[in-house]
Amino acid sequence: LNPMITCIVIDDDANTTKVFSDILELIGLHVVGKGYDGHDAVSLYEKHRPDVVFIDVVMPHADGFYALEKIREIDPNAKVIAVTADFTVDVERRLKEMSITAIIRKPFDQNEIKQVLTQKYKIST
């Protein structure tokens, strides 16, 4: 991919963060930061200004909604993709109200991630 697309990955489960990051690197994205709650997401976003943020929705301390709100304050056009196992109508509605860029459902697979990136960013992998 050229130029290299940068991203950060936020999930309270360290193993999920690692596996998801590995998949993104395989696809051709450059993971510039990993975090484990909404506070990490905001500070990593401020520090790196990545092209894409991949964030879990349900996390202790500060959740994905908190992070999405704060990141939108920094950059209203930020590309934020929710990666979640929470399929409730309420969560989906709130994400859409907050202008989430896309939603990837857990358990995720490489093909689904590629498909979302291709549709949203016209990224060829």
C-alpha atoms as a PDB file:
ATOM      1  CA  LEU A   1       0.000   0.000   0.000  1.00  0.00           C
ATOM      2  CA  ASN A   2       1.314   3.399  -0.875  1.00  0.00           C
ATOM      3  CA  PRO A   3       1.333   5.712   0.913  1.00  0.00           C
ATOM      4  CA  MET A   4       1.323   3.631   4.093  1.00  0.00           C
ATOM      5  CA  ILE A   5      -1.977   3.930   5.937  1.00  0.00           C
ATOM      6  CA  THR A   6      -1.433   4.457   9.646  1.00  0.00           C
ATOM      7  CA  CYS A   7      -3.770   3.209  12.360  1.00  0.00           C
ATOM      8  CA  ILE A   8      -4.138   2.619  16.078  1.00  0.00           C
ATOM      9  CA  VAL A   9      -5.818  -0.403  17.664  1.00  0.00           C
ATOM     10  CA  ILE A  10      -7.659  -0.133  20.973  1.00  0.00           C
ATOM     11  CA  ASP A  11      -9.132  -3.121  22.855  1.00  0.00           C
ATOM     12  CA  ASP A  12      -9.145  -3.911  26.573  1.00  0.00           C
ATOM     13  CA  ASP A  13      -8.069  -7.473  25.747  1.00  0.00           C
ATOM     14  CA  ALA A  14      -4.312  -7.399  25.020  1.00  0.00           C
ATOM     15  CA  ASN A  15      -4.472 -10.607  22.969  1.00  0.00           C
ATOM     16  CA  THR A  16      -7.250  -9.212  20.756  1.00  0.00           C
ATOM     17  CA  THR A  17      -5.212  -6.024  20.269  1.00  0.00           C
ATOM     18  CA  LYS A  18      -2.187  -8.070  19.204  1.00  0.00           C
ATOM     19  CA  VAL A  19      -4.066 -10.414  16.854  1.00  0.00           C
ATOM     20  CA  PHE A  20      -5.994  -7.546  15.243  1.00  0.00           C
ATOM     21  CA  SER A  21      -2.786  -5.519  14.824  1.00  0.00           C
ATOM     22  CA  ASP A  22      -1.037  -8.507  13.230  1.00  0.00           C
ATOM     23  CA  ILE A  23      -3.891  -8.896  10.719  1.00  0.00           C
ATOM     24  CA  LEU A  24      -3.765  -5.182   9.854  1.00  0.00           C
ATOM     25  CA  GLU A  25       0.006  -5.371   9.317  1.00  0.00           C
ATOM     26  CA  LEU A  26      -0.501  -8.407   7.045  1.00  0.00           C
ATOM     27  CA  ILE A  27      -3.089  -6.466   5.049  1.00  0.00           C
ATOM     28  CA  GLY A  28      -0.559  -3.669   4.670  1.00  0.00           C
ATOM     29  CA  LEU A  29      -1.500  -1.041   7.249  1.00  0.00           C
ATOM     30  CA  HIS A  30       1.055   0.447   9.632  1.00  0.00           C
ATOM     31  CA  VAL A  31      -0.006   0.099  13.286  1.00  0.00           C
ATOM     32  CA  VAL A  32       1.530   3.108  15.042  1.00  0.00           C
ATOM     33  CA  GLY A  33      -0.077   2.552  18.442  1.00  0.00           C
ATOM     34  CA  LYS A  34      -1.929   0.057  20.620  1.00  0.00           C
ATOM     35  CA  GLY A  35      -4.070   0.889  23.616  1.00  0.00           C
ATOM     36  CA  TYR A  36      -6.387  -0.756  26.079  1.00  0.00           C
ATOM     37  CA  ASP A  37      -9.115   1.789  26.934  1.00  0.00           C
ATOM     38  CA  GLY A  38     -10.720   4.991  25.730  1.00  0.00           C
ATOM     39  CA  HIS A  39      -8.103   7.185  27.435  1.00  0.00           C
ATOM     40  CA  ASP A  40      -5.336   5.377  25.522  1.00  0.00           C
ATOM     41  CA  ALA A  41      -7.309   5.870  22.312  1.00  0.00           C
ATOM     42  CA  VAL A  42      -7.519   9.635  22.770  1.00  0.00           C
ATOM     43  CA  SER A  43      -3.863  10.113  23.757  1.00  0.00           C
ATOM     44  CA  LEU A  44      -2.630   7.853  20.932  1.00  0.00           C
ATOM     45  CA  TYR A  45      -4.846   9.705  18.478  1.00  0.00           C
ATOM     46  CA  GLU A  46      -3.465  13.067  19.617  1.00  0.00           C
ATOM     47  CA  LYS A  47       0.111  11.785  19.416  1.00  0.00           C
ATOM     48  CA  HIS A  48       0.005   9.958  16.061  1.00  0.00           C
ATOM     49  CA  ARG A  49      -2.976  11.409  14.166  1.00  0.00           C
ATOM     50  CA  PRO A  50      -3.490   8.043  12.419  1.00  0.00           C
ATOM     51  CA  ASP A  51      -5.507   7.619   9.235  1.00  0.00           C
ATOM     52  CA  VAL A  52      -7.790   5.076  10.923  1.00  0.00           C
ATOM     53  CA  VAL A  53      -8.742   4.201  14.518  1.00  0.00           C
ATOM     54  CA  PHE A  54      -9.926   0.662  15.281  1.00  0.00           C
ATOM     55  CA  ILE A  55     -11.668   0.637  18.644  1.00  0.00           C
ATOM     56  CA  ASP A  56     -13.530  -1.791  20.855  1.00  0.00           C
ATOM     57  CA  VAL A  57     -16.810  -0.389  22.167  1.00  0.00           C
ATOM     58  CA  VAL A  58     -17.185  -2.104  25.558  1.00  0.00           C
ATOM     59  CA  MET A  59     -14.135  -1.424  27.748  1.00  0.00           C
ATOM     60  CA  PRO A  60     -13.652  -0.630  31.442  1.00  0.00           C
ATOM     61  CA  HIS A  61     -12.587   2.873  32.584  1.00  0.00           C
ATOM     62  CA  ALA A  62     -13.331   4.766  29.358  1.00  0.00           C
ATOM     63  CA  ASP A  63     -15.279   2.961  26.642  1.00  0.00           C
ATOM     64  CA  GLY A  64     -15.343   3.318  22.879  1.00  0.00           C
ATOM     65  CA  PHE A  65     -18.150   5.885  23.008  1.00  0.00           C
ATOM     66  CA  TYR A  66     -16.000   8.118  25.221  1.00  0.00           C
ATOM     67  CA  ALA A  67     -13.052   7.754  22.855  1.00  0.00           C
ATOM     68  CA  LEU A  68     -15.167   8.367  19.750  1.00  0.00           C
ATOM     69  CA  GLU A  69     -16.616  11.536  21.280  1.00  0.00           C
ATOM     70  CA  LYS A  70     -13.176  12.884  22.272  1.00  0.00           C
ATOM     71  CA  ILE A  71     -11.534  11.967  18.959  1.00  0.00           C
ATOM     72  CA  ARG A  72     -14.384  13.687  17.076  1.00  0.00           C
ATOM     73  CA  GLU A  73     -13.685  16.836  19.157  1.00  0.00           C
ATOM     74  CA  ILE A  74     -10.052  16.745  17.967  1.00  0.00           C
ATOM     75  CA  ASP A  75     -10.960  15.934  14.363  1.00  0.00           C
ATOM     76  CA  PRO A  76     -14.627  15.764  13.292  1.00  0.00           C
ATOM     77  CA  ASN A  77     -13.570  13.856  10.161  1.00  0.00           C
ATOM     78  CA  ALA A  78     -11.514  11.186  11.928  1.00  0.00           C
ATOM     79  CA  LYS A  79     -12.038   7.677  10.536  1.00  0.00           C
ATOM     80  CA  VAL A  80     -13.074   5.500  13.469  1.00  0.00           C
ATOM     81  CA  ILE A  81     -14.049   1.864  13.007  1.00  0.00           C
ATOM     82  CA  ALA A  82     -15.755   0.069  15.882  1.00  0.00           C
ATOM     83  CA  VAL A  83     -14.683  -3.526  16.462  1.00  0.00           C
ATOM     84  CA  THR A  84     -17.296  -5.039  18.732  1.00  0.00           C
ATOM     85  CA  ALA A  85     -19.032  -8.181  19.923  1.00  0.00           C
ATOM     86  CA  ASP A  86     -21.963  -6.100  21.181  1.00  0.00           C
ATOM     87  CA  PHE A  87     -24.686  -6.397  18.552  1.00  0.00           C
ATOM     88  CA  THR A  88     -27.461  -4.668  20.469  1.00  0.00           C
ATOM     89  CA  VAL A  89     -29.649  -2.263  18.548  1.00  0.00           C
ATOM     90  CA  ASP A  90     -28.868   0.410  21.133  1.00  0.00           C
ATOM     91  CA  VAL A  91     -25.107   0.175  20.600  1.00  0.00           C
ATOM     92  CA  GLU A  92     -25.467   0.231  16.835  1.00  0.00           C
ATOM     93  CA  ARG A  93     -27.826   3.225  17.023  1.00  0.00           C
ATOM     94  CA  ARG A  94     -25.461   5.161  19.300  1.00  0.00           C
ATOM     95  CA  LEU A  95     -22.490   4.436  17.041  1.00  0.00           C
ATOM     96  CA  LYS A  96     -24.387   5.626  13.987  1.00  0.00           C
ATOM     97  CA  GLU A  97     -25.580   8.759  15.821  1.00  0.00           C
ATOM     98  CA  MET A  98     -21.917   9.474  16.621  1.00  0.00           C
ATOM     99  CA  SER A  99     -21.009   9.044  12.935  1.00  0.00           C
ATOM    100  CA  ILE A 100     -18.975   5.878  13.288  1.00  0.00           C
ATOM    101  CA  THR A 101     -17.115   5.214  10.043  1.00  0.00           C
ATOM    102  CA  ALA A 102     -17.782   1.458  10.020  1.00  0.00           C
ATOM    103  CA  ILE A 103     -18.475  -1.483  12.324  1.00  0.00           C
ATOM    104  CA  ILE A 104     -16.521  -4.744  12.292  1.00  0.00           C
ATOM    105  CA  ARG A 105     -18.089  -7.537  14.294  1.00  0.00           C
ATOM    106  CA  LYS A 106     -16.221  -9.880  16.602  1.00  0.00           C
ATOM    107  CA  PRO A 107     -15.120 -12.534  16.083  1.00  0.00           C
ATOM    108  CA  PHE A 108     -13.492 -10.731  13.173  1.00  0.00           C
ATOM    109  CA  ASP A 109     -11.724 -12.355  10.275  1.00  0.00           C
ATOM    110  CA  GLN A 110      -9.188 -11.043   7.823  1.00  0.00           C
ATOM    111  CA  ASN A 111     -11.613 -11.078   4.872  1.00  0.00           C
ATOM    112  CA  GLU A 112     -14.188  -8.969   6.700  1.00  0.00           C
ATOM    113  CA  ILE A 113     -11.533  -6.444   7.710  1.00  0.00           C
ATOM    114  CA  LYS A 114     -10.244  -6.265   4.123  1.00  0.00           C
ATOM    115  CA  GLN A 115     -13.797  -5.839   2.826  1.00  0.00           C
ATOM    116  CA  VAL A 116     -14.506  -2.918   5.199  1.00  0.00           C
ATOM    117  CA  LEU A 117     -11.211  -1.241   4.276  1.00  0.00           C
ATOM    118  CA  THR A 118     -11.817  -1.748   0.566  1.00  0.00           C
ATOM    119  CA  GLN A 119     -15.351  -0.350   0.766  1.00  0.00           C
ATOM    120  CA  LYS A 120     -14.527   2.589   3.030  1.00  0.00           C
ATOM    121  CA  TYR A 121     -11.091   3.565   1.787  1.00  0.00           C
ATOM    122  CA  LYS A 122     -10.825   1.938  -1.616  1.00  0.00           C
ATOM    123  CA  ILE A 123      -7.784   0.127  -0.256  1.00  0.00           C
ATOM    124  CA  SER A 124      -6.644  -2.694  -2.472  1.00  0.00           C
ATOM    125  CA  THR A 125      -4.936  -5.453  -0.509  1.00  0.00           C
END
